[in-house]
Amino acid sequence: MIETYHDIASEADLALGQSRAHLINGWPILLCRSEAGLFAIINRCTHAASPLEGGRIRRNTISCPLHSARFDIASGQCVGAAYRPLKTFAVRIEKGRVAVAVPNELPGDDHRPLLTG
């Protein structure tokens, strides 16, 4: 799968413990900052298929705001349960700008969050 880096934010735009959703080439990306750095994950819980945006970031994990499933934001692995891991995306920072590598192909249904509201 071929991926392309997309410039999405200034490194200074995201404070510790915050996340921000982006839609890049049809992919719902959640950029997250933890004590370990900046990470990009799919904005879709593998447990409930709901958006992870707004979930609490703590100790390098994010909690799903709908059902509290927890995922490591660096590896995508589920913590404390047996749900499938999240898709992660490579992040690079150059001259204070954050770029995320996203597949050139559009995402399938299993990568789009369901609407929860």
C-alpha atoms as a PDB file:
ATOM      1  CA  MET A   1       0.000   0.000   0.000  1.00  0.00           C
ATOM      2  CA  ILE A   2       1.509   3.313  -1.071  1.00  0.00           C
ATOM      3  CA  GLU A   3       1.342   6.160   1.447  1.00  0.00           C
ATOM      4  CA  THR A   4       1.896   9.887   1.116  1.00  0.00           C
ATOM      5  CA  TYR A   5       2.783  12.343   3.879  1.00  0.00           C
ATOM      6  CA  HIS A   6       0.316  15.199   4.363  1.00  0.00           C
ATOM      7  CA  ASP A   7       1.115  18.365   6.329  1.00  0.00           C
ATOM      8  CA  ILE A   8      -1.722  18.762   8.835  1.00  0.00           C
ATOM      9  CA  ALA A   9      -0.706  21.024  11.728  1.00  0.00           C
ATOM     10  CA  SER A  10       1.877  23.059  13.531  1.00  0.00           C
ATOM     11  CA  GLU A  11       3.641  21.058  16.227  1.00  0.00           C
ATOM     12  CA  ALA A  12       2.714  23.791  18.731  1.00  0.00           C
ATOM     13  CA  ASP A  13      -1.041  23.503  17.985  1.00  0.00           C
ATOM     14  CA  LEU A  14      -1.568  20.430  20.165  1.00  0.00           C
ATOM     15  CA  ALA A  15      -1.007  20.550  23.928  1.00  0.00           C
ATOM     16  CA  LEU A  16      -0.125  17.574  26.126  1.00  0.00           C
ATOM     17  CA  GLY A  17      -3.143  15.283  26.549  1.00  0.00           C
ATOM     18  CA  GLN A  18      -5.015  16.731  23.575  1.00  0.00           C
ATOM     19  CA  SER A  19      -6.142  15.200  20.310  1.00  0.00           C
ATOM     20  CA  ARG A  20      -7.462  16.700  17.107  1.00  0.00           C
ATOM     21  CA  ALA A  21      -9.400  14.979  14.319  1.00  0.00           C
ATOM     22  CA  HIS A  22      -8.443  15.393  10.672  1.00  0.00           C
ATOM     23  CA  LEU A  23      -9.865  13.930   7.479  1.00  0.00           C
ATOM     24  CA  ILE A  24      -7.020  13.194   5.069  1.00  0.00           C
ATOM     25  CA  ASN A  25      -7.713  11.570   1.707  1.00  0.00           C
ATOM     26  CA  GLY A  26     -10.929  10.162   3.199  1.00  0.00           C
ATOM     27  CA  TRP A  27      -9.119   8.675   6.239  1.00  0.00           C
ATOM     28  CA  PRO A  28     -10.353   9.759   9.687  1.00  0.00           C
ATOM     29  CA  ILE A  29      -7.103  10.532  11.516  1.00  0.00           C
ATOM     30  CA  LEU A  30      -6.737  11.478  15.162  1.00  0.00           C
ATOM     31  CA  LEU A  31      -3.524  13.301  16.001  1.00  0.00           C
ATOM     32  CA  CYS A  32      -2.692  12.799  19.700  1.00  0.00           C
ATOM     33  CA  ARG A  33      -0.054  14.221  22.025  1.00  0.00           C
ATOM     34  CA  SER A  34       1.092  12.295  25.088  1.00  0.00           C
ATOM     35  CA  GLU A  35       4.187  12.443  27.274  1.00  0.00           C
ATOM     36  CA  ALA A  36       5.872  10.196  24.672  1.00  0.00           C
ATOM     37  CA  GLY A  37       5.228  12.559  21.729  1.00  0.00           C
ATOM     38  CA  LEU A  38       2.851  12.964  18.788  1.00  0.00           C
ATOM     39  CA  PHE A  39       1.009   9.976  17.326  1.00  0.00           C
ATOM     40  CA  ALA A  40      -1.607   9.462  14.617  1.00  0.00           C
ATOM     41  CA  ILE A  41      -4.273   6.770  14.907  1.00  0.00           C
ATOM     42  CA  ILE A  42      -7.479   5.931  13.103  1.00  0.00           C
ATOM     43  CA  ASN A  43     -10.351   7.911  14.605  1.00  0.00           C
ATOM     44  CA  ARG A  44     -12.455   4.763  15.018  1.00  0.00           C
ATOM     45  CA  CYS A  45     -12.698   2.465  18.011  1.00  0.00           C
ATOM     46  CA  THR A  46     -12.346  -1.193  17.009  1.00  0.00           C
ATOM     47  CA  HIS A  47     -14.755  -2.154  19.796  1.00  0.00           C
ATOM     48  CA  ALA A  48     -17.744   0.094  19.053  1.00  0.00           C
ATOM     49  CA  ALA A  49     -16.782   1.664  15.675  1.00  0.00           C
ATOM     50  CA  SER A  50     -17.329   5.103  17.205  1.00  0.00           C
ATOM     51  CA  PRO A  51     -14.981   8.108  16.906  1.00  0.00           C
ATOM     52  CA  LEU A  52     -12.170   8.283  19.456  1.00  0.00           C
ATOM     53  CA  GLU A  53     -12.078  12.074  19.287  1.00  0.00           C
ATOM     54  CA  GLY A  54     -12.677  13.499  22.743  1.00  0.00           C
ATOM     55  CA  GLY A  55     -11.307  10.413  24.473  1.00  0.00           C
ATOM     56  CA  ARG A  56      -9.045  10.896  27.476  1.00  0.00           C
ATOM     57  CA  ILE A  57      -5.336  10.606  26.761  1.00  0.00           C
ATOM     58  CA  ARG A  58      -3.347   9.348  29.710  1.00  0.00           C
ATOM     59  CA  ARG A  59      -0.132   7.301  30.063  1.00  0.00           C
ATOM     60  CA  ASN A  60       0.194   7.005  26.282  1.00  0.00           C
ATOM     61  CA  THR A  61      -3.310   5.544  25.909  1.00  0.00           C
ATOM     62  CA  ILE A  62      -6.616   6.895  24.675  1.00  0.00           C
ATOM     63  CA  SER A  63      -9.987   5.838  26.098  1.00  0.00           C
ATOM     64  CA  CYS A  64     -12.969   5.523  23.796  1.00  0.00           C
ATOM     65  CA  PRO A  65     -15.499   8.157  24.907  1.00  0.00           C
ATOM     66  CA  LEU A  66     -18.382   5.762  24.193  1.00  0.00           C
ATOM     67  CA  HIS A  67     -17.404   2.540  26.000  1.00  0.00           C
ATOM     68  CA  SER A  68     -14.032   3.340  27.636  1.00  0.00           C
ATOM     69  CA  ALA A  69     -12.040   0.774  25.635  1.00  0.00           C
ATOM     70  CA  ARG A  70      -8.365   1.803  25.938  1.00  0.00           C
ATOM     71  CA  PHE A  71      -5.712   1.758  23.232  1.00  0.00           C
ATOM     72  CA  ASP A  72      -1.982   2.479  23.192  1.00  0.00           C
ATOM     73  CA  ILE A  73      -1.607   5.469  20.841  1.00  0.00           C
ATOM     74  CA  ALA A  74       1.900   4.449  19.722  1.00  0.00           C
ATOM     75  CA  SER A  75       1.198   0.824  18.795  1.00  0.00           C
ATOM     76  CA  GLY A  76      -2.603   0.805  18.449  1.00  0.00           C
ATOM     77  CA  GLN A  77      -2.809  -2.237  20.768  1.00  0.00           C
ATOM     78  CA  CYS A  78      -5.845  -2.563  23.014  1.00  0.00           C
ATOM     79  CA  VAL A  79      -5.019  -2.327  26.717  1.00  0.00           C
ATOM     80  CA  GLY A  80      -6.873  -4.520  29.210  1.00  0.00           C
ATOM     81  CA  ALA A  81      -9.211  -6.185  26.703  1.00  0.00           C
ATOM     82  CA  ALA A  82      -9.067  -8.271  23.540  1.00  0.00           C
ATOM     83  CA  TYR A  83     -10.285  -5.820  20.877  1.00  0.00           C
ATOM     84  CA  ARG A  84      -8.488  -5.528  17.557  1.00  0.00           C
ATOM     85  CA  PRO A  85      -5.651  -2.983  17.467  1.00  0.00           C
ATOM     86  CA  LEU A  86      -6.157   0.455  15.961  1.00  0.00           C
ATOM     87  CA  LYS A  87      -4.573   1.361  12.651  1.00  0.00           C
ATOM     88  CA  THR A  88      -1.656   3.725  13.252  1.00  0.00           C
ATOM     89  CA  PHE A  89      -0.049   6.176  10.861  1.00  0.00           C
ATOM     90  CA  ALA A  90       3.557   7.342  10.634  1.00  0.00           C
ATOM     91  CA  VAL A  91       4.205  10.887  11.875  1.00  0.00           C
ATOM     92  CA  ARG A  92       7.125  13.133  11.062  1.00  0.00           C
ATOM     93  CA  ILE A  93       7.952  16.612  12.252  1.00  0.00           C
ATOM     94  CA  GLU A  94       9.967  18.997  10.117  1.00  0.00           C
ATOM     95  CA  LYS A  95      10.557  22.651  10.886  1.00  0.00           C
ATOM     96  CA  GLY A  96       7.753  22.673  13.452  1.00  0.00           C
ATOM     97  CA  ARG A  97       5.166  21.150  11.097  1.00  0.00           C
ATOM     98  CA  VAL A  98       3.483  17.777  11.592  1.00  0.00           C
ATOM     99  CA  ALA A  99       2.950  15.474   8.617  1.00  0.00           C
ATOM    100  CA  VAL A 100       1.087  12.157   8.660  1.00  0.00           C
ATOM    101  CA  ALA A 101       1.549   9.303   6.154  1.00  0.00           C
ATOM    102  CA  VAL A 102      -1.845   8.199   4.822  1.00  0.00           C
ATOM    103  CA  PRO A 103      -2.614   5.493   2.239  1.00  0.00           C
ATOM    104  CA  ASN A 104      -3.298   6.817  -1.232  1.00  0.00           C
ATOM    105  CA  GLU A 105      -6.295   4.468  -1.482  1.00  0.00           C
ATOM    106  CA  LEU A 106      -9.586   5.509   0.085  1.00  0.00           C
ATOM    107  CA  PRO A 107     -10.495   3.752   3.344  1.00  0.00           C
ATOM    108  CA  GLY A 108     -12.932   0.859   3.438  1.00  0.00           C
ATOM    109  CA  ASP A 109     -16.049   0.698   5.580  1.00  0.00           C
ATOM    110  CA  ASP A 110     -14.081  -0.875   8.431  1.00  0.00           C
ATOM    111  CA  HIS A 111     -12.008   2.314   8.764  1.00  0.00           C
ATOM    112  CA  ARG A 112     -14.818   4.871   8.833  1.00  0.00           C
ATOM    113  CA  PRO A 113     -16.398   5.707  12.205  1.00  0.00           C
ATOM    114  CA  LEU A 114     -20.112   5.289  12.685  1.00  0.00           C
ATOM    115  CA  LEU A 115     -22.023   8.399  13.658  1.00  0.00           C
ATOM    116  CA  THR A 116     -22.955   8.346  17.332  1.00  0.00           C
ATOM    117  CA  GLY A 117     -25.108  11.362  17.786  1.00  0.00           C
END
